[in-house]
């Protein structure tokens, strides 16, 4: 649970709790969430965090829950999806520059948000792998972290 009246502060705390693996996150505002604050938090969650949905809401509270189980999108699949996305962005960036295609360049910028979503998900998945010895990918975590770092640096800004 977090108490703040700034929606950006609430979102930063929400991301931190998402990354460490909390499945239920409760945001509380002492003065109540304005319509604009509520929209900001919900839209930003949809754009940036895979599997997290608003479960309950009231005037001064938002309760979010992660509906994504590790088995639904294991770390290796998330990394492969992120890798394919970055690769297609790089190919399209070259094509957009070559053809002076502004529409394609704008599409690449939008796909950058998808890379960010996969990045946050893989950080969450890495934590799950480290905490659960039964997950088979445990021995490849260091390789995955290094690859994740490279992929996040390759993304188009």
C-alpha atoms as a PDB file:
ATOM      1  CA  UNK A   1       0.000   0.000   0.000  1.00  0.00           C
ATOM      2  CA  UNK A   2       1.271   3.489  -0.819  1.00  0.00           C
ATOM      3  CA  UNK A   3      -0.053   6.864   0.224  1.00  0.00           C
ATOM      4  CA  UNK A   4       0.641   9.750  -2.141  1.00  0.00           C
ATOM      5  CA  UNK A   5      -1.316  12.484  -3.829  1.00  0.00           C
ATOM      6  CA  UNK A   6       0.996  12.657  -6.850  1.00  0.00           C
ATOM      7  CA  UNK A   7      -0.040  10.199  -9.607  1.00  0.00           C
ATOM      8  CA  UNK A   8       3.531   9.970 -10.922  1.00  0.00           C
ATOM      9  CA  UNK A   9       4.816   9.054  -7.452  1.00  0.00           C
ATOM     10  CA  UNK A  10       2.059   6.463  -7.182  1.00  0.00           C
ATOM     11  CA  UNK A  11       3.017   5.028 -10.556  1.00  0.00           C
ATOM     12  CA  UNK A  12       6.734   4.816  -9.651  1.00  0.00           C
ATOM     13  CA  UNK A  13       5.885   2.937  -6.462  1.00  0.00           C
ATOM     14  CA  UNK A  14       3.477   0.723  -8.388  1.00  0.00           C
ATOM     15  CA  UNK A  15       6.277  -0.182 -10.868  1.00  0.00           C
ATOM     16  CA  UNK A  16       8.661  -0.939  -7.999  1.00  0.00           C
ATOM     17  CA  UNK A  17       6.117  -3.286  -6.411  1.00  0.00           C
ATOM     18  CA  UNK A  18       5.409  -4.894  -9.812  1.00  0.00           C
ATOM     19  CA  UNK A  19       9.132  -5.506 -10.381  1.00  0.00           C
ATOM     20  CA  UNK A  20       9.668  -7.195  -7.040  1.00  0.00           C
ATOM     21  CA  UNK A  21       6.785  -9.529  -7.750  1.00  0.00           C
ATOM     22  CA  UNK A  22       3.780  -8.306  -5.812  1.00  0.00           C
ATOM     23  CA  UNK A  23       0.609  -9.661  -7.372  1.00  0.00           C
ATOM     24  CA  UNK A  24      -1.742  -7.230  -5.606  1.00  0.00           C
ATOM     25  CA  UNK A  25      -0.845  -3.557  -5.257  1.00  0.00           C
ATOM     26  CA  UNK A  26      -3.009  -1.034  -3.444  1.00  0.00           C
ATOM     27  CA  UNK A  27      -2.631   2.698  -4.087  1.00  0.00           C
ATOM     28  CA  UNK A  28      -4.249   5.127  -1.659  1.00  0.00           C
ATOM     29  CA  UNK A  29      -4.711   8.891  -1.945  1.00  0.00           C
ATOM     30  CA  UNK A  30      -5.645  10.819   1.195  1.00  0.00           C
ATOM     31  CA  UNK A  31      -7.484  13.489  -0.813  1.00  0.00           C
ATOM     32  CA  UNK A  32      -8.955  11.002  -3.266  1.00  0.00           C
ATOM     33  CA  UNK A  33      -7.949  10.380  -6.872  1.00  0.00           C
ATOM     34  CA  UNK A  34      -9.095  13.005  -9.332  1.00  0.00           C
ATOM     35  CA  UNK A  35     -10.491  11.819 -12.641  1.00  0.00           C
ATOM     36  CA  UNK A  36      -7.269  12.957 -14.336  1.00  0.00           C
ATOM     37  CA  UNK A  37      -5.046  11.126 -11.791  1.00  0.00           C
ATOM     38  CA  UNK A  38      -7.096   7.949 -12.066  1.00  0.00           C
ATOM     39  CA  UNK A  39      -6.928   8.069 -15.875  1.00  0.00           C
ATOM     40  CA  UNK A  40      -3.173   8.725 -15.788  1.00  0.00           C
ATOM     41  CA  UNK A  41      -2.493   5.725 -13.558  1.00  0.00           C
ATOM     42  CA  UNK A  42      -4.794   3.341 -15.457  1.00  0.00           C
ATOM     43  CA  UNK A  43      -3.570   4.416 -18.906  1.00  0.00           C
ATOM     44  CA  UNK A  44       0.069   4.250 -17.862  1.00  0.00           C
ATOM     45  CA  UNK A  45      -0.405   0.781 -16.357  1.00  0.00           C
ATOM     46  CA  UNK A  46      -1.984  -0.441 -19.617  1.00  0.00           C
ATOM     47  CA  UNK A  47       0.841   1.053 -21.660  1.00  0.00           C
ATOM     48  CA  UNK A  48       3.777  -0.043 -19.508  1.00  0.00           C
ATOM     49  CA  UNK A  49       2.990  -3.126 -17.404  1.00  0.00           C
ATOM     50  CA  UNK A  50       2.105  -6.513 -18.872  1.00  0.00           C
ATOM     51  CA  UNK A  51      -0.552  -8.471 -16.986  1.00  0.00           C
ATOM     52  CA  UNK A  52      -1.477  -5.810 -14.440  1.00  0.00           C
ATOM     53  CA  UNK A  53      -5.125  -4.766 -14.291  1.00  0.00           C
ATOM     54  CA  UNK A  54      -7.294  -2.621 -12.055  1.00  0.00           C
ATOM     55  CA  UNK A  55      -9.178  -4.990  -9.788  1.00  0.00           C
ATOM     56  CA  UNK A  56     -11.025  -2.479  -7.594  1.00  0.00           C
ATOM     57  CA  UNK A  57     -11.327   1.255  -7.400  1.00  0.00           C
ATOM     58  CA  UNK A  58     -12.964   3.764  -5.130  1.00  0.00           C
ATOM     59  CA  UNK A  59     -12.634   7.498  -4.631  1.00  0.00           C
ATOM     60  CA  UNK A  60      -9.363   7.243  -2.743  1.00  0.00           C
ATOM     61  CA  UNK A  61      -8.118   3.749  -3.610  1.00  0.00           C
ATOM     62  CA  UNK A  62      -6.932   1.750  -6.620  1.00  0.00           C
ATOM     63  CA  UNK A  63      -6.248  -1.954  -6.247  1.00  0.00           C
ATOM     64  CA  UNK A  64      -4.320  -3.590  -9.064  1.00  0.00           C
ATOM     65  CA  UNK A  65      -3.594  -7.259  -9.590  1.00  0.00           C
ATOM     66  CA  UNK A  66      -1.160  -9.108 -11.797  1.00  0.00           C
ATOM     67  CA  UNK A  67      -2.998 -11.795 -13.725  1.00  0.00           C
ATOM     68  CA  UNK A  68       0.156 -13.055 -15.419  1.00  0.00           C
ATOM     69  CA  UNK A  69       1.593 -16.269 -14.041  1.00  0.00           C
ATOM     70  CA  UNK A  70       5.205 -17.132 -14.768  1.00  0.00           C
ATOM     71  CA  UNK A  71       4.084 -20.124 -16.841  1.00  0.00           C
ATOM     72  CA  UNK A  72       1.941 -17.902 -19.081  1.00  0.00           C
ATOM     73  CA  UNK A  73       4.998 -16.125 -20.466  1.00  0.00           C
ATOM     74  CA  UNK A  74       8.254 -17.688 -19.232  1.00  0.00           C
ATOM     75  CA  UNK A  75      11.425 -15.644 -19.225  1.00  0.00           C
ATOM     76  CA  UNK A  76      12.837 -17.189 -22.395  1.00  0.00           C
ATOM     77  CA  UNK A  77       9.672 -16.440 -24.379  1.00  0.00           C
ATOM     78  CA  UNK A  78       9.521 -12.873 -23.076  1.00  0.00           C
ATOM     79  CA  UNK A  79      13.166 -12.371 -24.075  1.00  0.00           C
ATOM     80  CA  UNK A  80      12.570 -13.826 -27.540  1.00  0.00           C
ATOM     81  CA  UNK A  81       9.571 -11.531 -28.046  1.00  0.00           C
ATOM     82  CA  UNK A  82      11.590  -8.537 -26.932  1.00  0.00           C
ATOM     83  CA  UNK A  83      14.471  -9.542 -29.195  1.00  0.00           C
ATOM     84  CA  UNK A  84      12.225  -9.914 -32.257  1.00  0.00           C
ATOM     85  CA  UNK A  85      10.598  -6.577 -31.521  1.00  0.00           C
ATOM     86  CA  UNK A  86      13.952  -4.758 -31.207  1.00  0.00           C
ATOM     87  CA  UNK A  87      15.221  -6.443 -34.365  1.00  0.00           C
ATOM     88  CA  UNK A  88      12.162  -5.372 -36.358  1.00  0.00           C
ATOM     89  CA  UNK A  89      12.489  -1.838 -34.975  1.00  0.00           C
ATOM     90  CA  UNK A  90      16.110  -1.655 -36.120  1.00  0.00           C
ATOM     91  CA  UNK A  91      15.215  -2.960 -39.599  1.00  0.00           C
ATOM     92  CA  UNK A  92      12.371  -0.479 -39.873  1.00  0.00           C
ATOM     93  CA  UNK A  93      14.544   2.376 -38.612  1.00  0.00           C
ATOM     94  CA  UNK A  94      16.973   1.770 -41.466  1.00  0.00           C
ATOM     95  CA  UNK A  95      14.101   1.600 -43.939  1.00  0.00           C
ATOM     96  CA  UNK A  96      12.458   4.750 -42.503  1.00  0.00           C
ATOM     97  CA  UNK A  97      15.714   6.678 -42.831  1.00  0.00           C
ATOM     98  CA  UNK A  98      16.378   5.366 -46.322  1.00  0.00           C
ATOM     99  CA  UNK A  99      12.849   6.107 -47.585  1.00  0.00           C
ATOM    100  CA  UNK A 100      12.359   9.251 -45.457  1.00  0.00           C
ATOM    101  CA  UNK A 101       9.188   7.609 -44.135  1.00  0.00           C
ATOM    102  CA  UNK A 102       7.875   9.641 -41.174  1.00  0.00           C
ATOM    103  CA  UNK A 103       4.886   7.349 -40.623  1.00  0.00           C
ATOM    104  CA  UNK A 104       7.159   4.333 -40.174  1.00  0.00           C
ATOM    105  CA  UNK A 105       9.403   6.355 -37.855  1.00  0.00           C
ATOM    106  CA  UNK A 106       6.373   7.217 -35.690  1.00  0.00           C
ATOM    107  CA  UNK A 107       5.397   3.538 -35.586  1.00  0.00           C
ATOM    108  CA  UNK A 108       8.900   2.672 -34.340  1.00  0.00           C
ATOM    109  CA  UNK A 109       8.537   5.192 -31.528  1.00  0.00           C
ATOM    110  CA  UNK A 110       5.244   3.581 -30.491  1.00  0.00           C
ATOM    111  CA  UNK A 111       6.825   0.117 -30.538  1.00  0.00           C
ATOM    112  CA  UNK A 112       9.456   1.432 -28.147  1.00  0.00           C
ATOM    113  CA  UNK A 113       6.730   1.377 -25.473  1.00  0.00           C
ATOM    114  CA  UNK A 114       6.268  -2.343 -26.152  1.00  0.00           C
ATOM    115  CA  UNK A 115       9.999  -2.930 -25.601  1.00  0.00           C
ATOM    116  CA  UNK A 116       9.713  -1.075 -22.305  1.00  0.00           C
ATOM    117  CA  UNK A 117       6.778  -3.289 -21.302  1.00  0.00           C
ATOM    118  CA  UNK A 118       8.789  -6.438 -22.057  1.00  0.00           C
ATOM    119  CA  UNK A 119      11.787  -5.012 -20.199  1.00  0.00           C
ATOM    120  CA  UNK A 120       9.746  -4.482 -17.030  1.00  0.00           C
ATOM    121  CA  UNK A 121       8.166  -7.916 -17.394  1.00  0.00           C
ATOM    122  CA  UNK A 122      11.536  -9.644 -17.801  1.00  0.00           C
ATOM    123  CA  UNK A 123      12.906  -7.904 -14.708  1.00  0.00           C
ATOM    124  CA  UNK A 124       9.878  -9.245 -12.811  1.00  0.00           C
ATOM    125  CA  UNK A 125      10.425 -12.709 -14.327  1.00  0.00           C
ATOM    126  CA  UNK A 126      14.146 -12.699 -13.431  1.00  0.00           C
ATOM    127  CA  UNK A 127      13.227 -12.041  -9.815  1.00  0.00           C
ATOM    128  CA  UNK A 128      10.751 -14.942  -9.923  1.00  0.00           C
ATOM    129  CA  UNK A 129      13.417 -17.255 -11.336  1.00  0.00           C
ATOM    130  CA  UNK A 130      15.911 -16.275  -8.645  1.00  0.00           C
ATOM    131  CA  UNK A 131      13.382 -16.876  -5.874  1.00  0.00           C
ATOM    132  CA  UNK A 132      11.980 -20.181  -7.124  1.00  0.00           C
ATOM    133  CA  UNK A 133      14.545 -22.978  -7.486  1.00  0.00           C
ATOM    134  CA  UNK A 134      11.982 -25.129  -9.304  1.00  0.00           C
ATOM    135  CA  UNK A 135      12.027 -22.840 -12.360  1.00  0.00           C
ATOM    136  CA  UNK A 136      14.262 -24.405 -14.989  1.00  0.00           C
ATOM    137  CA  UNK A 137      15.799 -21.170 -16.257  1.00  0.00           C
ATOM    138  CA  UNK A 138      17.651 -20.428 -13.031  1.00  0.00           C
ATOM    139  CA  UNK A 139      21.100 -21.360 -14.376  1.00  0.00           C
ATOM    140  CA  UNK A 140      20.740 -18.936 -17.306  1.00  0.00           C
ATOM    141  CA  UNK A 141      19.780 -15.832 -15.318  1.00  0.00           C
ATOM    142  CA  UNK A 142      23.135 -14.053 -15.681  1.00  0.00           C
ATOM    143  CA  UNK A 143      23.107 -14.602 -19.457  1.00  0.00           C
ATOM    144  CA  UNK A 144      19.548 -13.304 -19.567  1.00  0.00           C
ATOM    145  CA  UNK A 145      20.414 -10.192 -17.559  1.00  0.00           C
ATOM    146  CA  UNK A 146      23.302  -9.393 -19.918  1.00  0.00           C
ATOM    147  CA  UNK A 147      21.135  -9.932 -22.992  1.00  0.00           C
ATOM    148  CA  UNK A 148      18.380  -7.805 -21.491  1.00  0.00           C
ATOM    149  CA  UNK A 149      20.868  -4.980 -20.956  1.00  0.00           C
ATOM    150  CA  UNK A 150      22.016  -5.173 -24.598  1.00  0.00           C
ATOM    151  CA  UNK A 151      18.445  -5.272 -25.928  1.00  0.00           C
ATOM    152  CA  UNK A 152      17.375  -2.315 -23.824  1.00  0.00           C
ATOM    153  CA  UNK A 153      20.315  -0.297 -25.156  1.00  0.00           C
ATOM    154  CA  UNK A 154      19.581  -1.251 -28.775  1.00  0.00           C
ATOM    155  CA  UNK A 155      16.039   0.015 -28.700  1.00  0.00           C
ATOM    156  CA  UNK A 156      15.294   3.091 -30.771  1.00  0.00           C
ATOM    157  CA  UNK A 157      14.802   6.302 -28.788  1.00  0.00           C
END
